[in-house]
Amino acid sequence: MVTGHIPLPPYIASKRGEDESDRRDYQTI
């Protein structure tokens, strides 16, 4: 949890980096 990053899909990761909003957006409520 401390070391890792959200593994964005390749078609997103190739166009932009992960940011803090992804930890919220890439998770169901």
mmCIF file of all heavy atoms, coordinates in Angstrom:
data_MODEL
# 
_entry.id   MODEL 
# 
loop_
_atom_site.group_PDB 
_atom_site.id 
_atom_site.type_symbol 
_atom_site.label_atom_id 
_atom_site.label_alt_id 
_atom_site.label_comp_id 
_atom_site.label_asym_id 
_atom_site.label_entity_id 
_atom_site.label_seq_id 
_atom_site.pdbx_PDB_ins_code 
_atom_site.Cartn_x 
_atom_site.Cartn_y 
_atom_site.Cartn_z 
_atom_site.occupancy 
_atom_site.B_iso_or_equiv 
_atom_site.pdbx_formal_charge 
_atom_site.auth_seq_id 
_atom_site.auth_comp_id 
_atom_site.auth_asym_id 
_atom_site.auth_atom_id 
_atom_site.pdbx_PDB_model_num 
ATOM 1   N N   . MET A 1 1  ? 0.824   -1.205 0.000   1.00 0.00 ? 1  MET A N   1 
ATOM 2   C CA  . MET A 1 1  ? 0.000   0.000  0.000   1.00 0.00 ? 1  MET A CA  1 
ATOM 3   C C   . MET A 1 1  ? 0.862   1.261  0.000   1.00 0.00 ? 1  MET A C   1 
ATOM 4   O O   . MET A 1 1  ? 0.520   2.258  -0.631  1.00 0.00 ? 1  MET A O   1 
ATOM 5   C CB  . MET A 1 1  ? -0.928  -0.001 1.215   1.00 0.00 ? 1  MET A CB  1 
ATOM 6   C CG  . MET A 1 1  ? -2.048  -1.026 1.154   1.00 0.00 ? 1  MET A CG  1 
ATOM 7   S SD  . MET A 1 1  ? -3.176  -0.793 -0.247  1.00 0.00 ? 1  MET A SD  1 
ATOM 8   C CE  . MET A 1 1  ? -3.930  0.765  0.214   1.00 0.00 ? 1  MET A CE  1 
ATOM 9   N N   . VAL A 1 2  ? 1.984   1.222  0.696   1.00 0.00 ? 2  VAL A N   1 
ATOM 10  C CA  . VAL A 1 2  ? 2.857   2.399  0.795   1.00 0.00 ? 2  VAL A CA  1 
ATOM 11  C C   . VAL A 1 2  ? 3.730   2.539  -0.450  1.00 0.00 ? 2  VAL A C   1 
ATOM 12  O O   . VAL A 1 2  ? 3.932   3.645  -0.973  1.00 0.00 ? 2  VAL A O   1 
ATOM 13  C CB  . VAL A 1 2  ? 3.741   2.302  2.055   1.00 0.00 ? 2  VAL A CB  1 
ATOM 14  C CG1 . VAL A 1 2  ? 4.781   3.421  2.064   1.00 0.00 ? 2  VAL A CG1 1 
ATOM 15  C CG2 . VAL A 1 2  ? 2.881   2.360  3.310   1.00 0.00 ? 2  VAL A CG2 1 
ATOM 16  N N   . THR A 1 3  ? 4.240   1.418  -0.957  1.00 0.00 ? 3  THR A N   1 
ATOM 17  C CA  . THR A 1 3  ? 5.229   1.443  -2.029  1.00 0.00 ? 3  THR A CA  1 
ATOM 18  C C   . THR A 1 3  ? 4.613   1.492  -3.420  1.00 0.00 ? 3  THR A C   1 
ATOM 19  O O   . THR A 1 3  ? 5.174   2.106  -4.328  1.00 0.00 ? 3  THR A O   1 
ATOM 20  C CB  . THR A 1 3  ? 6.123   0.183  -1.930  1.00 0.00 ? 3  THR A CB  1 
ATOM 21  O OG1 . THR A 1 3  ? 6.686   0.113  -0.626  1.00 0.00 ? 3  THR A OG1 1 
ATOM 22  C CG2 . THR A 1 3  ? 7.225   0.208  -2.969  1.00 0.00 ? 3  THR A CG2 1 
ATOM 23  N N   . GLY A 1 4  ? 3.458   0.834  -3.588  1.00 0.00 ? 4  GLY A N   1 
ATOM 24  C CA  . GLY A 1 4  ? 2.916   0.630  -4.917  1.00 0.00 ? 4  GLY A CA  1 
ATOM 25  C C   . GLY A 1 4  ? 2.196   1.814  -5.511  1.00 0.00 ? 4  GLY A C   1 
ATOM 26  O O   . GLY A 1 4  ? 1.883   2.792  -4.833  1.00 0.00 ? 4  GLY A O   1 
ATOM 27  N N   . HIS A 1 5  ? 1.922   1.696  -6.795  1.00 0.00 ? 5  HIS A N   1 
ATOM 28  C CA  . HIS A 1 5  ? 1.156   2.684  -7.545  1.00 0.00 ? 5  HIS A CA  1 
ATOM 29  C C   . HIS A 1 5  ? -0.064  2.005  -8.157  1.00 0.00 ? 5  HIS A C   1 
ATOM 30  O O   . HIS A 1 5  ? -0.070  0.795  -8.400  1.00 0.00 ? 5  HIS A O   1 
ATOM 31  C CB  . HIS A 1 5  ? 2.009   3.292  -8.668  1.00 0.00 ? 5  HIS A CB  1 
ATOM 32  C CG  . HIS A 1 5  ? 3.267   3.940  -8.189  1.00 0.00 ? 5  HIS A CG  1 
ATOM 33  N ND1 . HIS A 1 5  ? 3.320   5.244  -7.764  1.00 0.00 ? 5  HIS A ND1 1 
ATOM 34  C CD2 . HIS A 1 5  ? 4.526   3.447  -8.050  1.00 0.00 ? 5  HIS A CD2 1 
ATOM 35  C CE1 . HIS A 1 5  ? 4.551   5.533  -7.392  1.00 0.00 ? 5  HIS A CE1 1 
ATOM 36  N NE2 . HIS A 1 5  ? 5.307   4.469  -7.560  1.00 0.00 ? 5  HIS A NE2 1 
ATOM 37  N N   . ILE A 1 6  ? -1.109  2.790  -8.416  1.00 0.00 ? 6  ILE A N   1 
ATOM 38  C CA  . ILE A 1 6  ? -2.285  2.256  -9.093  1.00 0.00 ? 6  ILE A CA  1 
ATOM 39  C C   . ILE A 1 6  ? -1.878  1.839  -10.507 1.00 0.00 ? 6  ILE A C   1 
ATOM 40  O O   . ILE A 1 6  ? -1.338  2.654  -11.262 1.00 0.00 ? 6  ILE A O   1 
ATOM 41  C CB  . ILE A 1 6  ? -3.416  3.292  -9.143  1.00 0.00 ? 6  ILE A CB  1 
ATOM 42  C CG1 . ILE A 1 6  ? -3.922  3.591  -7.728  1.00 0.00 ? 6  ILE A CG1 1 
ATOM 43  C CG2 . ILE A 1 6  ? -4.562  2.810  -10.026 1.00 0.00 ? 6  ILE A CG2 1 
ATOM 44  C CD1 . ILE A 1 6  ? -4.588  2.419  -7.036  1.00 0.00 ? 6  ILE A CD1 1 
ATOM 45  N N   . PRO A 1 7  ? -2.110  0.577  -10.896 1.00 0.00 ? 7  PRO A N   1 
ATOM 46  C CA  . PRO A 1 7  ? -1.700  0.118  -12.230 1.00 0.00 ? 7  PRO A CA  1 
ATOM 47  C C   . PRO A 1 7  ? -2.711  0.517  -13.292 1.00 0.00 ? 7  PRO A C   1 
ATOM 48  O O   . PRO A 1 7  ? -3.576  -0.256 -13.689 1.00 0.00 ? 7  PRO A O   1 
ATOM 49  C CB  . PRO A 1 7  ? -1.649  -1.406 -12.059 1.00 0.00 ? 7  PRO A CB  1 
ATOM 50  C CG  . PRO A 1 7  ? -2.668  -1.690 -11.003 1.00 0.00 ? 7  PRO A CG  1 
ATOM 51  C CD  . PRO A 1 7  ? -2.683  -0.499 -10.080 1.00 0.00 ? 7  PRO A CD  1 
ATOM 52  N N   . LEU A 1 8  ? -2.612  1.752  -13.755 1.00 0.00 ? 8  LEU A N   1 
ATOM 53  C CA  . LEU A 1 8  ? -3.535  2.216  -14.784 1.00 0.00 ? 8  LEU A CA  1 
ATOM 54  C C   . LEU A 1 8  ? -3.414  1.358  -16.041 1.00 0.00 ? 8  LEU A C   1 
ATOM 55  O O   . LEU A 1 8  ? -2.327  0.867  -16.366 1.00 0.00 ? 8  LEU A O   1 
ATOM 56  C CB  . LEU A 1 8  ? -3.236  3.678  -15.138 1.00 0.00 ? 8  LEU A CB  1 
ATOM 57  C CG  . LEU A 1 8  ? -3.587  4.731  -14.092 1.00 0.00 ? 8  LEU A CG  1 
ATOM 58  C CD1 . LEU A 1 8  ? -3.156  6.108  -14.579 1.00 0.00 ? 8  LEU A CD1 1 
ATOM 59  C CD2 . LEU A 1 8  ? -5.076  4.723  -13.772 1.00 0.00 ? 8  LEU A CD2 1 
ATOM 60  N N   . PRO A 1 9  ? -4.505  1.154  -16.759 1.00 0.00 ? 9  PRO A N   1 
ATOM 61  C CA  . PRO A 1 9  ? -4.444  0.390  -18.005 1.00 0.00 ? 9  PRO A CA  1 
ATOM 62  C C   . PRO A 1 9  ? -3.421  0.990  -18.965 1.00 0.00 ? 9  PRO A C   1 
ATOM 63  O O   . PRO A 1 9  ? -3.210  2.212  -18.969 1.00 0.00 ? 9  PRO A O   1 
ATOM 64  C CB  . PRO A 1 9  ? -5.870  0.515  -18.564 1.00 0.00 ? 9  PRO A CB  1 
ATOM 65  C CG  . PRO A 1 9  ? -6.724  0.789  -17.375 1.00 0.00 ? 9  PRO A CG  1 
ATOM 66  C CD  . PRO A 1 9  ? -5.878  1.605  -16.446 1.00 0.00 ? 9  PRO A CD  1 
ATOM 67  N N   . PRO A 1 10 ? -2.784  0.162  -19.788 1.00 0.00 ? 10 PRO A N   1 
ATOM 68  C CA  . PRO A 1 10 ? -1.735  0.654  -20.693 1.00 0.00 ? 10 PRO A CA  1 
ATOM 69  C C   . PRO A 1 10 ? -2.190  1.790  -21.593 1.00 0.00 ? 10 PRO A C   1 
ATOM 70  O O   . PRO A 1 10 ? -1.408  2.705  -21.889 1.00 0.00 ? 10 PRO A O   1 
ATOM 71  C CB  . PRO A 1 10 ? -1.364  -0.583 -21.512 1.00 0.00 ? 10 PRO A CB  1 
ATOM 72  C CG  . PRO A 1 10 ? -1.760  -1.740 -20.650 1.00 0.00 ? 10 PRO A CG  1 
ATOM 73  C CD  . PRO A 1 10 ? -2.956  -1.297 -19.880 1.00 0.00 ? 10 PRO A CD  1 
ATOM 74  N N   . TYR A 1 11 ? -3.457  1.768  -22.045 1.00 0.00 ? 11 TYR A N   1 
ATOM 75  C CA  . TYR A 1 11 ? -3.933  2.792  -22.966 1.00 0.00 ? 11 TYR A CA  1 
ATOM 76  C C   . TYR A 1 11 ? -4.151  4.135  -22.271 1.00 0.00 ? 11 TYR A C   1 
ATOM 77  O O   . TYR A 1 11 ? -4.307  5.150  -22.930 1.00 0.00 ? 11 TYR A O   1 
ATOM 78  C CB  . TYR A 1 11 ? -5.221  2.333  -23.671 1.00 0.00 ? 11 TYR A CB  1 
ATOM 79  C CG  . TYR A 1 11 ? -6.215  1.641  -22.763 1.00 0.00 ? 11 TYR A CG  1 
ATOM 80  C CD1 . TYR A 1 11 ? -7.048  2.359  -21.921 1.00 0.00 ? 11 TYR A CD1 1 
ATOM 81  C CD2 . TYR A 1 11 ? -6.312  0.262  -22.747 1.00 0.00 ? 11 TYR A CD2 1 
ATOM 82  C CE1 . TYR A 1 11 ? -7.945  1.719  -21.081 1.00 0.00 ? 11 TYR A CE1 1 
ATOM 83  C CE2 . TYR A 1 11 ? -7.213  -0.395 -21.922 1.00 0.00 ? 11 TYR A CE2 1 
ATOM 84  C CZ  . TYR A 1 11 ? -8.030  0.338  -21.092 1.00 0.00 ? 11 TYR A CZ  1 
ATOM 85  O OH  . TYR A 1 11 ? -8.908  -0.302 -20.258 1.00 0.00 ? 11 TYR A OH  1 
ATOM 86  N N   . ILE A 1 12 ? -4.138  4.154  -20.931 1.00 0.00 ? 12 ILE A N   1 
ATOM 87  C CA  . ILE A 1 12 ? -4.150  5.415  -20.196 1.00 0.00 ? 12 ILE A CA  1 
ATOM 88  C C   . ILE A 1 12 ? -2.726  5.774  -19.771 1.00 0.00 ? 12 ILE A C   1 
ATOM 89  O O   . ILE A 1 12 ? -2.277  6.913  -19.942 1.00 0.00 ? 12 ILE A O   1 
ATOM 90  C CB  . ILE A 1 12 ? -5.073  5.337  -18.967 1.00 0.00 ? 12 ILE A CB  1 
ATOM 91  C CG1 . ILE A 1 12 ? -6.535  5.167  -19.400 1.00 0.00 ? 12 ILE A CG1 1 
ATOM 92  C CG2 . ILE A 1 12 ? -4.936  6.599  -18.100 1.00 0.00 ? 12 ILE A CG2 1 
ATOM 93  C CD1 . ILE A 1 12 ? -7.510  5.004  -18.240 1.00 0.00 ? 12 ILE A CD1 1 
ATOM 94  N N   . ALA A 1 13 ? -2.008  4.790  -19.230 1.00 0.00 ? 13 ALA A N   1 
ATOM 95  C CA  . ALA A 1 13 ? -0.657  5.036  -18.726 1.00 0.00 ? 13 ALA A CA  1 
ATOM 96  C C   . ALA A 1 13 ? 0.291   5.527  -19.816 1.00 0.00 ? 13 ALA A C   1 
ATOM 97  O O   . ALA A 1 13 ? 1.235   6.266  -19.531 1.00 0.00 ? 13 ALA A O   1 
ATOM 98  C CB  . ALA A 1 13 ? -0.109  3.761  -18.092 1.00 0.00 ? 13 ALA A CB  1 
ATOM 99  N N   . SER A 1 14 ? 0.029   5.145  -21.080 1.00 0.00 ? 14 SER A N   1 
ATOM 100 C CA  . SER A 1 14 ? 0.900   5.594  -22.168 1.00 0.00 ? 14 SER A CA  1 
ATOM 101 C C   . SER A 1 14 ? 0.681   7.065  -22.505 1.00 0.00 ? 14 SER A C   1 
ATOM 102 O O   . SER A 1 14 ? 1.487   7.670  -23.215 1.00 0.00 ? 14 SER A O   1 
ATOM 103 C CB  . SER A 1 14 ? 0.663   4.745  -23.417 1.00 0.00 ? 14 SER A CB  1 
ATOM 104 O OG  . SER A 1 14 ? -0.660  4.912  -23.899 1.00 0.00 ? 14 SER A OG  1 
ATOM 105 N N   . LYS A 1 15 ? -0.411  7.649  -21.998 1.00 0.00 ? 15 LYS A N   1 
ATOM 106 C CA  . LYS A 1 15 ? -0.757  9.032  -22.335 1.00 0.00 ? 15 LYS A CA  1 
ATOM 107 C C   . LYS A 1 15 ? -0.610  10.002 -21.166 1.00 0.00 ? 15 LYS A C   1 
ATOM 108 O O   . LYS A 1 15 ? -0.478  11.200 -21.366 1.00 0.00 ? 15 LYS A O   1 
ATOM 109 C CB  . LYS A 1 15 ? -2.185  9.093  -22.881 1.00 0.00 ? 15 LYS A CB  1 
ATOM 110 C CG  . LYS A 1 15 ? -2.368  8.354  -24.206 1.00 0.00 ? 15 LYS A CG  1 
ATOM 111 C CD  . LYS A 1 15 ? -3.810  8.407  -24.662 1.00 0.00 ? 15 LYS A CD  1 
ATOM 112 C CE  . LYS A 1 15 ? -3.952  7.810  -26.061 1.00 0.00 ? 15 LYS A CE  1 
ATOM 113 N NZ  . LYS A 1 15 ? -3.560  6.387  -26.089 1.00 0.00 ? 15 LYS A NZ  1 
ATOM 114 N N   . ARG A 1 16 ? -0.634  9.481  -19.954 1.00 0.00 ? 16 ARG A N   1 
ATOM 115 C CA  . ARG A 1 16 ? -0.448  10.341 -18.781 1.00 0.00 ? 16 ARG A CA  1 
ATOM 116 C C   . ARG A 1 16 ? -0.040  9.485  -17.596 1.00 0.00 ? 16 ARG A C   1 
ATOM 117 O O   . ARG A 1 16 ? -0.262  8.274  -17.570 1.00 0.00 ? 16 ARG A O   1 
ATOM 118 C CB  . ARG A 1 16 ? -1.723  11.120 -18.451 1.00 0.00 ? 16 ARG A CB  1 
ATOM 119 C CG  . ARG A 1 16 ? -2.880  10.265 -17.942 1.00 0.00 ? 16 ARG A CG  1 
ATOM 120 C CD  . ARG A 1 16 ? -3.986  11.138 -17.359 1.00 0.00 ? 16 ARG A CD  1 
ATOM 121 N NE  . ARG A 1 16 ? -5.115  10.378 -16.862 1.00 0.00 ? 16 ARG A NE  1 
ATOM 122 C CZ  . ARG A 1 16 ? -5.176  9.837  -15.643 1.00 0.00 ? 16 ARG A CZ  1 
ATOM 123 N NH1 . ARG A 1 16 ? -4.144  9.937  -14.818 1.00 0.00 ? 16 ARG A NH1 1 
ATOM 124 N NH2 . ARG A 1 16 ? -6.253  9.171  -15.252 1.00 0.00 ? 16 ARG A NH2 1 
ATOM 125 N N   . GLY A 1 17 ? 0.557   10.119 -16.590 1.00 0.00 ? 17 GLY A N   1 
ATOM 126 C CA  . GLY A 1 17 ? 0.955   9.400  -15.392 1.00 0.00 ? 17 GLY A CA  1 
ATOM 127 C C   . GLY A 1 17 ? -0.179  9.289  -14.392 1.00 0.00 ? 17 GLY A C   1 
ATOM 128 O O   . GLY A 1 17 ? -1.178  10.004 -14.463 1.00 0.00 ? 17 GLY A O   1 
ATOM 129 N N   . GLU A 1 18 ? 0.003   8.385  -13.443 1.00 0.00 ? 18 GLU A N   1 
ATOM 130 C CA  . GLU A 1 18 ? -0.942  8.251  -12.341 1.00 0.00 ? 18 GLU A CA  1 
ATOM 131 C C   . GLU A 1 18 ? -0.869  9.480  -11.443 1.00 0.00 ? 18 GLU A C   1 
ATOM 132 O O   . GLU A 1 18 ? 0.197   10.057 -11.248 1.00 0.00 ? 18 GLU A O   1 
ATOM 133 C CB  . GLU A 1 18 ? -0.587  6.989  -11.534 1.00 0.00 ? 18 GLU A CB  1 
ATOM 134 C CG  . GLU A 1 18 ? -1.386  6.834  -10.255 1.00 0.00 ? 18 GLU A CG  1 
ATOM 135 C CD  . GLU A 1 18 ? -0.560  6.266  -9.110  1.00 0.00 ? 18 GLU A CD  1 
ATOM 136 O OE1 . GLU A 1 18 ? 0.667   6.086  -9.282  1.00 0.00 ? 18 GLU A OE1 1 
ATOM 137 O OE2 . GLU A 1 18 ? -1.135  6.051  -8.032  1.00 0.00 ? 18 GLU A OE2 1 
ATOM 138 N N   . ASP A 1 19 ? -2.005  9.896  -10.894 1.00 0.00 ? 19 ASP A N   1 
ATOM 139 C CA  . ASP A 1 19 ? -2.005  10.977 -9.915  1.00 0.00 ? 19 ASP A CA  1 
ATOM 140 C C   . ASP A 1 19 ? -2.945  10.623 -8.770  1.00 0.00 ? 19 ASP A C   1 
ATOM 141 O O   . ASP A 1 19 ? -3.567  9.560  -8.756  1.00 0.00 ? 19 ASP A O   1 
ATOM 142 C CB  . ASP A 1 19 ? -2.363  12.325 -10.553 1.00 0.00 ? 19 ASP A CB  1 
ATOM 143 C CG  . ASP A 1 19 ? -3.700  12.291 -11.278 1.00 0.00 ? 19 ASP A CG  1 
ATOM 144 O OD1 . ASP A 1 19 ? -4.621  11.576 -10.827 1.00 0.00 ? 19 ASP A OD1 1 
ATOM 145 O OD2 . ASP A 1 19 ? -3.838  12.993 -12.306 1.00 0.00 ? 19 ASP A OD2 1 
ATOM 146 N N   . GLU A 1 20 ? -3.051  11.523 -7.798  1.00 0.00 ? 20 GLU A N   1 
ATOM 147 C CA  . GLU A 1 20 ? -3.835  11.235 -6.596  1.00 0.00 ? 20 GLU A CA  1 
ATOM 148 C C   . GLU A 1 20 ? -5.296  10.956 -6.904  1.00 0.00 ? 20 GLU A C   1 
ATOM 149 O O   . GLU A 1 20 ? -5.948  10.156 -6.237  1.00 0.00 ? 20 GLU A O   1 
ATOM 150 C CB  . GLU A 1 20 ? -3.718  12.400 -5.604  1.00 0.00 ? 20 GLU A CB  1 
ATOM 151 C CG  . GLU A 1 20 ? -2.479  12.353 -4.734  1.00 0.00 ? 20 GLU A CG  1 
ATOM 152 C CD  . GLU A 1 20 ? -2.355  11.063 -3.936  1.00 0.00 ? 20 GLU A CD  1 
ATOM 153 O OE1 . GLU A 1 20 ? -3.333  10.684 -3.254  1.00 0.00 ? 20 GLU A OE1 1 
ATOM 154 O OE2 . GLU A 1 20 ? -1.300  10.421 -4.014  1.00 0.00 ? 20 GLU A OE2 1 
ATOM 155 N N   . SER A 1 21 ? -5.848  11.596 -7.917  1.00 0.00 ? 21 SER A N   1 
ATOM 156 C CA  . SER A 1 21 ? -7.257  11.397 -8.228  1.00 0.00 ? 21 SER A CA  1 
ATOM 157 C C   . SER A 1 21 ? -7.537  9.964  -8.676  1.00 0.00 ? 21 SER A C   1 
ATOM 158 O O   . SER A 1 21 ? -8.652  9.461  -8.502  1.00 0.00 ? 21 SER A O   1 
ATOM 159 C CB  . SER A 1 21 ? -7.719  12.381 -9.302  1.00 0.00 ? 21 SER A CB  1 
ATOM 160 O OG  . SER A 1 21 ? -7.041  12.164 -10.523 1.00 0.00 ? 21 SER A OG  1 
ATOM 161 N N   . ASP A 1 22 ? -6.529  9.283  -9.238  1.00 0.00 ? 22 ASP A N   1 
ATOM 162 C CA  . ASP A 1 22 ? -6.741  7.915  -9.694  1.00 0.00 ? 22 ASP A CA  1 
ATOM 163 C C   . ASP A 1 22 ? -7.002  6.969  -8.525  1.00 0.00 ? 22 ASP A C   1 
ATOM 164 O O   . ASP A 1 22 ? -7.725  5.983  -8.684  1.00 0.00 ? 22 ASP A O   1 
ATOM 165 C CB  . ASP A 1 22 ? -5.546  7.424  -10.499 1.00 0.00 ? 22 ASP A CB  1 
ATOM 166 C CG  . ASP A 1 22 ? -5.449  8.097  -11.861 1.00 0.00 ? 22 ASP A CG  1 
ATOM 167 O OD1 . ASP A 1 22 ? -6.451  8.108  -12.592 1.00 0.00 ? 22 ASP A OD1 1 
ATOM 168 O OD2 . ASP A 1 22 ? -4.374  8.642  -12.179 1.00 0.00 ? 22 ASP A OD2 1 
ATOM 169 N N   . ARG A 1 23 ? -6.438  7.240  -7.368  1.00 0.00 ? 23 ARG A N   1 
ATOM 170 C CA  . ARG A 1 23 ? -6.694  6.365  -6.212  1.00 0.00 ? 23 ARG A CA  1 
ATOM 171 C C   . ARG A 1 23 ? -8.167  6.418  -5.823  1.00 0.00 ? 23 ARG A C   1 
ATOM 172 O O   . ARG A 1 23 ? -8.694  5.460  -5.257  1.00 0.00 ? 23 ARG A O   1 
ATOM 173 C CB  . ARG A 1 23 ? -5.814  6.776  -5.031  1.00 0.00 ? 23 ARG A CB  1 
ATOM 174 C CG  . ARG A 1 23 ? -4.340  6.465  -5.254  1.00 0.00 ? 23 ARG A CG  1 
ATOM 175 C CD  . ARG A 1 23 ? -3.675  5.965  -4.003  1.00 0.00 ? 23 ARG A CD  1 
ATOM 176 N NE  . ARG A 1 23 ? -2.323  5.494  -4.249  1.00 0.00 ? 23 ARG A NE  1 
ATOM 177 C CZ  . ARG A 1 23 ? -1.636  4.741  -3.406  1.00 0.00 ? 23 ARG A CZ  1 
ATOM 178 N NH1 . ARG A 1 23 ? -2.190  4.355  -2.274  1.00 0.00 ? 23 ARG A NH1 1 
ATOM 179 N NH2 . ARG A 1 23 ? -0.414  4.345  -3.698  1.00 0.00 ? 23 ARG A NH2 1 
ATOM 180 N N   . ARG A 1 24 ? -8.832  7.518  -6.132  1.00 0.00 ? 24 ARG A N   1 
ATOM 181 C CA  . ARG A 1 24 ? -10.274 7.638  -5.880  1.00 0.00 ? 24 ARG A CA  1 
ATOM 182 C C   . ARG A 1 24 ? -11.080 7.196  -7.099  1.00 0.00 ? 24 ARG A C   1 
ATOM 183 O O   . ARG A 1 24 ? -12.024 6.417  -6.980  1.00 0.00 ? 24 ARG A O   1 
ATOM 184 C CB  . ARG A 1 24 ? -10.608 9.098  -5.545  1.00 0.00 ? 24 ARG A CB  1 
ATOM 185 C CG  . ARG A 1 24 ? -12.101 9.359  -5.350  1.00 0.00 ? 24 ARG A CG  1 
ATOM 186 C CD  . ARG A 1 24 ? -12.392 10.847 -5.286  1.00 0.00 ? 24 ARG A CD  1 
ATOM 187 N NE  . ARG A 1 24 ? -12.130 11.513 -6.569  1.00 0.00 ? 24 ARG A NE  1 
ATOM 188 C CZ  . ARG A 1 24 ? -11.149 12.370 -6.776  1.00 0.00 ? 24 ARG A CZ  1 
ATOM 189 N NH1 . ARG A 1 24 ? -10.325 12.706 -5.788  1.00 0.00 ? 24 ARG A NH1 1 
ATOM 190 N NH2 . ARG A 1 24 ? -10.984 12.926 -7.970  1.00 0.00 ? 24 ARG A NH2 1 
ATOM 191 N N   . ASP A 1 25 ? -10.686 7.666  -8.273  1.00 0.00 ? 25 ASP A N   1 
ATOM 192 C CA  . ASP A 1 25 ? -11.480 7.422  -9.484  1.00 0.00 ? 25 ASP A CA  1 
ATOM 193 C C   . ASP A 1 25 ? -11.452 5.972  -9.929  1.00 0.00 ? 25 ASP A C   1 
ATOM 194 O O   . ASP A 1 25 ? -12.429 5.473  -10.491 1.00 0.00 ? 25 ASP A O   1 
ATOM 195 C CB  . ASP A 1 25 ? -10.974 8.308  -10.630 1.00 0.00 ? 25 ASP A CB  1 
ATOM 196 C CG  . ASP A 1 25 ? -11.200 9.786  -10.380 1.00 0.00 ? 25 ASP A CG  1 
ATOM 197 O OD1 . ASP A 1 25 ? -12.064 10.117 -9.547  1.00 0.00 ? 25 ASP A OD1 1 
ATOM 198 O OD2 . ASP A 1 25 ? -10.509 10.597 -11.012 1.00 0.00 ? 25 ASP A OD2 1 
ATOM 199 N N   . TYR A 1 26 ? -10.328 5.282  -9.698  1.00 0.00 ? 26 TYR A N   1 
ATOM 200 C CA  . TYR A 1 26 ? -10.167 3.910  -10.186 1.00 0.00 ? 26 TYR A CA  1 
ATOM 201 C C   . TYR A 1 26 ? -10.579 2.905  -9.098  1.00 0.00 ? 26 TYR A C   1 
ATOM 202 O O   . TYR A 1 26 ? -9.924  1.892  -8.879  1.00 0.00 ? 26 TYR A O   1 
ATOM 203 C CB  . TYR A 1 26 ? -8.723  3.683  -10.623 1.00 0.00 ? 26 TYR A CB  1 
ATOM 204 C CG  . TYR A 1 26 ? -8.514  2.536  -11.586 1.00 0.00 ? 26 TYR A CG  1 
ATOM 205 C CD1 . TYR A 1 26 ? -9.186  2.483  -12.804 1.00 0.00 ? 26 TYR A CD1 1 
ATOM 206 C CD2 . TYR A 1 26 ? -7.621  1.512  -11.294 1.00 0.00 ? 26 TYR A CD2 1 
ATOM 207 C CE1 . TYR A 1 26 ? -8.981  1.433  -13.687 1.00 0.00 ? 26 TYR A CE1 1 
ATOM 208 C CE2 . TYR A 1 26 ? -7.405  0.456  -12.186 1.00 0.00 ? 26 TYR A CE2 1 
ATOM 209 C CZ  . TYR A 1 26 ? -8.097  0.427  -13.373 1.00 0.00 ? 26 TYR A CZ  1 
ATOM 210 O OH  . TYR A 1 26 ? -7.894  -0.614 -14.263 1.00 0.00 ? 26 TYR A OH  1 
ATOM 211 N N   . GLN A 1 27 ? -11.684 3.228  -8.422  1.00 0.00 ? 27 GLN A N   1 
ATOM 212 C CA  . GLN A 1 27 ? -12.194 2.406  -7.334  1.00 0.00 ? 27 GLN A CA  1 
ATOM 213 C C   . GLN A 1 27 ? -13.704 2.576  -7.277  1.00 0.00 ? 27 GLN A C   1 
ATOM 214 O O   . GLN A 1 27 ? -14.207 3.705  -7.366  1.00 0.00 ? 27 GLN A O   1 
ATOM 215 C CB  . GLN A 1 27 ? -11.584 2.858  -6.008  1.00 0.00 ? 27 GLN A CB  1 
ATOM 216 C CG  . GLN A 1 27 ? -11.647 1.866  -4.879  1.00 0.00 ? 27 GLN A CG  1 
ATOM 217 C CD  . GLN A 1 27 ? -10.543 0.830  -4.960  1.00 0.00 ? 27 GLN A CD  1 
ATOM 218 O OE1 . GLN A 1 27 ? -10.762 -0.254 -5.489  1.00 0.00 ? 27 GLN A OE1 1 
ATOM 219 N NE2 . GLN A 1 27 ? -9.354  1.145  -4.445  1.00 0.00 ? 27 GLN A NE2 1 
ATOM 220 N N   . THR A 1 28 ? -14.445 1.479  -7.172  1.00 0.00 ? 28 THR A N   1 
ATOM 221 C CA  . THR A 1 28 ? -15.895 1.604  -7.015  1.00 0.00 ? 28 THR A CA  1 
ATOM 222 C C   . THR A 1 28 ? -16.214 2.109  -5.615  1.00 0.00 ? 28 THR A C   1 
ATOM 223 O O   . THR A 1 28 ? -15.417 1.952  -4.680  1.00 0.00 ? 28 THR A O   1 
ATOM 224 C CB  . THR A 1 28 ? -16.580 0.246  -7.238  1.00 0.00 ? 28 THR A CB  1 
ATOM 225 O OG1 . THR A 1 28 ? -16.167 -0.669 -6.211  1.00 0.00 ? 28 THR A OG1 1 
ATOM 226 C CG2 . THR A 1 28 ? -16.237 -0.323 -8.608  1.00 0.00 ? 28 THR A CG2 1 
ATOM 227 N N   . ILE A 1 29 ? -17.407 2.702  -5.449  1.00 0.00 ? 29 ILE A N   1 
ATOM 228 C CA  . ILE A 1 29 ? -17.767 3.242  -4.136  1.00 0.00 ? 29 ILE A CA  1 
ATOM 229 C C   . ILE A 1 29 ? -18.116 2.137  -3.147  1.00 0.00 ? 29 ILE A C   1 
ATOM 230 O O   . ILE A 1 29 ? -18.199 2.397  -1.941  1.00 0.00 ? 29 ILE A O   1 
ATOM 231 C CB  . ILE A 1 29 ? -18.944 4.241  -4.249  1.00 0.00 ? 29 ILE A CB  1 
ATOM 232 C CG1 . ILE A 1 29 ? -20.206 3.530  -4.757  1.00 0.00 ? 29 ILE A CG1 1 
ATOM 233 C CG2 . ILE A 1 29 ? -18.577 5.422  -5.136  1.00 0.00 ? 29 ILE A CG2 1 
ATOM 234 C CD1 . ILE A 1 29 ? -21.459 4.402  -4.673  1.00 0.00 ? 29 ILE A CD1 1 
# 
